[in-house]
Amino acid sequence: MKKILLPTDFSDNAWNAIVYALHFFKNESCTFYILHTYTPSFYRADYMMGGPTFSAIPDAGVDIAQAGLDQTLADIGKNYKNTKHQFKTLSAFNMLTDEIREVTESKNIDIIIMGTQGATGAKEIFLGTRTVHVIRKSRIPVLVVPNGYVFRELKSVLFPSDYVNSVEKEEVQMLIDMTKMHNAKLTILNVKDDYDLTDGQRENKASLASYYYTLHPKFEQVKGKLMPNAIHEYIEQHGVGLLAMMNRKHSFLDRLIVQPNVDSIGYHTKIPFLVMPYASEESKK
């Protein structure tokens, strides 16, 4: 049974991500943990001792959190009944990224699914600041659902790779499971200036082929284009329903999510975006 964490701030954007998750895993037995975090408008000494439960002064944040979680459960029960799905609610006086890390470890969460509005101005990060922080700190896969994206049956998955770094099967297992779940077609896309791979790259490509062999993946290369533009164009031209990438420090993805000029590159996440961490790298933290 998969354990899925759904962070929510009770916005339409967060609700949209929850609905997407319920549809995506509709045929799977899952436990969904719906998480809301909050902080008071100012810090008091009693909070420093351990949060609102130590305070003699009522905190409206606690009541708002519980009311929001209760309403979310009620809306799910009314509109998305599924005997395969179980739900648990969590609220915490904590920073979102810190609480997510604690919950993923204590509950053995398999994947985080959350919404993002993306950038609307030149000074904004294209995934949204909170989403970026979660991606950068998470030790498990994060599935980002763009604001307003309506679930449709997954038919095509794109996995860009430069084949520079080796990947372990456990690091892409979630992608394998999700692709199999929907009987989707997987394309592995390589973007480079020429078609000559190094010996190391060929070895890493062969490893990916062995991991994905049951999916019968399609390997493609694009020459003479910037990585972001090539990905965006491929998605548009082939109707890709899910973009999946590895997240490694100093990688293309790492640079992409923190560069303030990403809008000028012309890349926007218009489809759900699965980010998978390198387990070997995380184990060293």
Foldseek 3Di string as FASTA:
>chain_A
DAEEEQEDPLDLQSLQQVVQVCVLCQVAQYEYEYEYEDADPDDDPQCVVPHDVSDPDDDVVVVVQVVSVVVSVVVCVVPPDGPSYHYDYYYYHDDPLVVVQVCCVVVVHAEYTGEAAADDDLQAFGRGDVVVSNLVRDQHKYKYFYGPDHDDQAAEEEEEDQLPDAADLVQCVVVLVSCVSRLHAYEYEHEDADDDDDPSSVVRVVVVCVSNVVSVHHYYYDHDDDPQVVVVVCCVVPVHAEYEYEDDPPDPVNCRRPDSRNVVVVHHPNHIYMYTYRNVVVVVD
